[in-house]
């Protein structure tokens, strides 16, 4: 069962887009955590 190449390509693009968004969210969370740690050190 081979899926239609066009659909497969669209799925791949959608997946990469989702991964990019997730990665950005994760990076933002990491930055937030680092800022909180710095803030707690200084207070």
PDB file of N, CA and C in Angstrom:
ATOM      1  N   UNK A   1       0.850  -1.205   0.000  1.00  0.00           N
ATOM      2  CA  UNK A   1       0.000   0.000   0.000  1.00  0.00           C
ATOM      3  C   UNK A   1       0.884   1.253   0.000  1.00  0.00           C
ATOM      4  N   UNK A   2       1.022   1.855  -1.161  1.00  0.00           N
ATOM      5  CA  UNK A   2       1.804   3.099  -1.241  1.00  0.00           C
ATOM      6  C   UNK A   2       0.868   4.282  -1.252  1.00  0.00           C
ATOM      7  N   UNK A   3       1.138   5.230  -0.370  1.00  0.00           N
ATOM      8  CA  UNK A   3       0.299   6.428  -0.338  1.00  0.00           C
ATOM      9  C   UNK A   3       0.667   7.333  -1.497  1.00  0.00           C
ATOM     10  N   UNK A   4      -0.229   8.226  -1.832  1.00  0.00           N
ATOM     11  CA  UNK A   4       0.010   9.166  -2.922  1.00  0.00           C
ATOM     12  C   UNK A   4       1.201  10.056  -2.574  1.00  0.00           C
ATOM     13  N   UNK A   5       2.175  10.201  -3.486  1.00  0.00           N
ATOM     14  CA  UNK A   5       3.384  10.983  -3.179  1.00  0.00           C
ATOM     15  C   UNK A   5       3.085  12.397  -2.712  1.00  0.00           C
ATOM     16  N   UNK A   6       2.081  13.021  -3.325  1.00  0.00           N
ATOM     17  CA  UNK A   6       1.746  14.404  -2.973  1.00  0.00           C
ATOM     18  C   UNK A   6       1.273  14.476  -1.518  1.00  0.00           C
ATOM     19  N   UNK A   7       0.424  13.518  -1.137  1.00  0.00           N
ATOM     20  CA  UNK A   7      -0.087  13.486   0.235  1.00  0.00           C
ATOM     21  C   UNK A   7       1.073  13.236   1.206  1.00  0.00           C
ATOM     22  N   UNK A   8       1.941  12.297   0.843  1.00  0.00           N
ATOM     23  CA  UNK A   8       3.080  11.970   1.700  1.00  0.00           C
ATOM     24  C   UNK A   8       3.953  13.206   1.906  1.00  0.00           C
ATOM     25  N   UNK A   9       4.168  13.959   0.834  1.00  0.00           N
ATOM     26  CA  UNK A   9       4.995  15.165   0.922  1.00  0.00           C
ATOM     27  C   UNK A   9       4.326  16.190   1.832  1.00  0.00           C
ATOM     28  N   UNK A  10       3.020  16.359   1.687  1.00  0.00           N
ATOM     29  CA  UNK A  10       2.288  17.308   2.530  1.00  0.00           C
ATOM     30  C   UNK A  10       2.372  16.897   3.996  1.00  0.00           C
ATOM     31  N   UNK A  11       2.240  15.589   4.260  1.00  0.00           N
ATOM     32  CA  UNK A  11       2.347  15.089   5.632  1.00  0.00           C
ATOM     33  C   UNK A  11       3.724  15.406   6.201  1.00  0.00           C
ATOM     34  N   UNK A  12       4.751  15.195   5.373  1.00  0.00           N
ATOM     35  CA  UNK A  12       6.121  15.453   5.818  1.00  0.00           C
ATOM     36  C   UNK A  12       6.311  16.928   6.155  1.00  0.00           C
ATOM     37  N   UNK A  13       5.803  17.799   5.286  1.00  0.00           N
ATOM     38  CA  UNK A  13       5.913  19.242   5.530  1.00  0.00           C
ATOM     39  C   UNK A  13       5.168  19.624   6.803  1.00  0.00           C
ATOM     40  N   UNK A  14       3.992  19.052   6.988  1.00  0.00           N
ATOM     41  CA  UNK A  14       3.201  19.346   8.188  1.00  0.00           C
ATOM     42  C   UNK A  14       3.955  18.893   9.437  1.00  0.00           C
ATOM     43  N   UNK A  15       4.555  17.713   9.360  1.00  0.00           N
ATOM     44  CA  UNK A  15       5.312  17.185  10.501  1.00  0.00           C
ATOM     45  C   UNK A  15       6.499  18.080  10.835  1.00  0.00           C
ATOM     46  N   UNK A  16       7.235  18.486   9.803  1.00  0.00           N
ATOM     47  CA  UNK A  16       8.403  19.336  10.054  1.00  0.00           C
ATOM     48  C   UNK A  16       7.971  20.667  10.649  1.00  0.00           C
ATOM     49  N   UNK A  17       6.839  21.182  10.177  1.00  0.00           N
ATOM     50  CA  UNK A  17       6.336  22.453  10.719  1.00  0.00           C
ATOM     51  C   UNK A  17       5.986  22.287  12.193  1.00  0.00           C
ATOM     52  N   UNK A  18       5.303  21.186  12.526  1.00  0.00           N
ATOM     53  CA  UNK A  18       4.924  20.924  13.919  1.00  0.00           C
ATOM     54  C   UNK A  18       6.176  20.784  14.781  1.00  0.00           C
ATOM     55  N   UNK A  19       7.177  20.059  14.254  1.00  0.00           N
ATOM     56  CA  UNK A  19       8.421  19.872  15.005  1.00  0.00           C
ATOM     57  C   UNK A  19       9.107  21.204  15.263  1.00  0.00           C
ATOM     58  N   UNK A  20       9.114  22.070  14.260  1.00  0.00           N
ATOM     59  CA  UNK A  20       9.733  23.395  14.412  1.00  0.00           C
ATOM     60  C   UNK A  20       9.030  24.183  15.511  1.00  0.00           C
ATOM     61  N   UNK A  21       7.693  24.149  15.498  1.00  0.00           N
ATOM     62  CA  UNK A  21       6.909  24.878  16.503  1.00  0.00           C
ATOM     63  C   UNK A  21       7.204  24.318  17.894  1.00  0.00           C
ATOM     64  N   UNK A  22       7.220  22.980  18.007  1.00  0.00           N
ATOM     65  CA  UNK A  22       7.491  22.355  19.298  1.00  0.00           C
ATOM     66  C   UNK A  22       8.881  22.720  19.795  1.00  0.00           C
ATOM     67  N   UNK A  23       9.855  22.701  18.871  1.00  0.00           N
ATOM     68  CA  UNK A  23      11.225  23.030  19.244  1.00  0.00           C
ATOM     69  C   UNK A  23      11.311  24.454  19.775  1.00  0.00           C
ATOM     70  N   UNK A  24      10.633  25.382  19.096  1.00  0.00           N
ATOM     71  CA  UNK A  24      10.639  26.779  19.540  1.00  0.00           C
ATOM     72  C   UNK A  24      10.010  26.904  20.917  1.00  0.00           C
ATOM     73  N   UNK A  25       8.904  26.177  21.142  1.00  0.00           N
ATOM     74  CA  UNK A  25       8.239  26.226  22.447  1.00  0.00           C
ATOM     75  C   UNK A  25       9.159  25.673  23.527  1.00  0.00           C
ATOM     76  N   UNK A  26       9.851  24.563  23.210  1.00  0.00           N
ATOM     77  CA  UNK A  26      10.771  23.968  24.177  1.00  0.00           C
ATOM     78  C   UNK A  26      11.904  24.931  24.498  1.00  0.00           C
ATOM     79  N   UNK A  27      12.462  25.565  23.474  1.00  0.00           N
ATOM     80  CA  UNK A  27      13.543  26.523  23.690  1.00  0.00           C
ATOM     81  C   UNK A  27      13.065  27.668  24.568  1.00  0.00           C
ATOM     82  N   UNK A  28      11.843  28.137  24.329  1.00  0.00           N
ATOM     83  CA  UNK A  28      11.296  29.229  25.129  1.00  0.00           C
ATOM     84  C   UNK A  28      11.153  28.784  26.583  1.00  0.00           C
ATOM     85  N   UNK A  29      10.709  27.543  26.807  1.00  0.00           N
ATOM     86  CA  UNK A  29      10.564  27.027  28.168  1.00  0.00           C
ATOM     87  C   UNK A  29      11.917  26.969  28.859  1.00  0.00           C
ATOM     88  N   UNK A  30      12.927  26.508  28.133  1.00  0.00           N
ATOM     89  CA  UNK A  30      14.278  26.422  28.697  1.00  0.00           C
ATOM     90  C   UNK A  30      14.764  27.808  29.091  1.00  0.00           C
ATOM     91  N   UNK A  31      14.558  28.782  28.217  1.00  0.00           N
ATOM     92  CA  UNK A  31      14.957  30.164  28.506  1.00  0.00           C
ATOM     93  C   UNK A  31      14.224  30.668  29.747  1.00  0.00           C
ATOM     94  N   UNK A  32      12.922  30.388  29.828  1.00  0.00           N
ATOM     95  CA  UNK A  32      12.145  30.815  30.992  1.00  0.00           C
ATOM     96  C   UNK A  32      12.716  30.201  32.271  1.00  0.00           C
ATOM     97  N   UNK A  33      13.045  28.912  32.216  1.00  0.00           N
ATOM     98  CA  UNK A  33      13.603  28.244  33.386  1.00  0.00           C
ATOM     99  C   UNK A  33      14.923  28.882  33.799  1.00  0.00           C
ATOM    100  N   UNK A  34      15.774  29.182  32.822  1.00  0.00           N
ATOM    101  CA  UNK A  34      17.063  29.810  33.124  1.00  0.00           C
ATOM    102  C   UNK A  34      16.853  31.179  33.752  1.00  0.00           C
ATOM    103  N   UNK A  35      15.892  31.941  33.228  1.00  0.00           N
ATOM    104  CA  UNK A  35      15.604  33.266  33.786  1.00  0.00           C
ATOM    105  C   UNK A  35      15.102  33.144  35.219  1.00  0.00           C
ATOM    106  N   UNK A  36      14.253  32.163  35.475  1.00  0.00           N
ATOM    107  CA  UNK A  36      13.726  31.957  36.830  1.00  0.00           C
ATOM    108  C   UNK A  36      14.873  31.604  37.782  1.00  0.00           C
ATOM    109  N   UNK A  37      15.790  30.731  37.333  1.00  0.00           N
ATOM    110  CA  UNK A  37      16.930  30.345  38.168  1.00  0.00           C
ATOM    111  C   UNK A  37      17.798  31.559  38.484  1.00  0.00           C
ATOM    112  N   UNK A  38      18.092  32.369  37.464  1.00  0.00           N
ATOM    113  CA  UNK A  38      18.891  33.582  37.674  1.00  0.00           C
ATOM    114  C   UNK A  38      18.188  34.510  38.654  1.00  0.00           C
ATOM    115  N   UNK A  39      16.886  34.662  38.467  1.00  0.00           N
ATOM    116  CA  UNK A  39      16.107  35.554  39.322  1.00  0.00           C
ATOM    117  C   UNK A  39      16.144  35.070  40.770  1.00  0.00           C
ATOM    118  N   UNK A  40      16.008  33.756  40.963  1.00  0.00           N
ATOM    119  CA  UNK A  40      15.996  33.211  42.322  1.00  0.00           C
ATOM    120  C   UNK A  40      17.376  33.314  42.966  1.00  0.00           C
ATOM    121  N   UNK A  41      18.437  33.290  42.150  1.00  0.00           N
ATOM    122  CA  UNK A  41      19.793  33.453  42.691  1.00  0.00           C
ATOM    123  C   UNK A  41      19.977  34.881  43.205  1.00  0.00           C
ATOM    124  N   UNK A  42      19.467  35.851  42.457  1.00  0.00           N
ATOM    125  CA  UNK A  42      19.692  37.264  42.795  1.00  0.00           C
ATOM    126  C   UNK A  42      18.781  37.756  43.913  1.00  0.00           C
ATOM    127  N   UNK A  43      17.704  37.027  44.212  1.00  0.00           N
ATOM    128  CA  UNK A  43      16.793  37.507  45.258  1.00  0.00           C
ATOM    129  C   UNK A  43      17.056  36.794  46.579  1.00  0.00           C
TER     130      UNK A  43
END
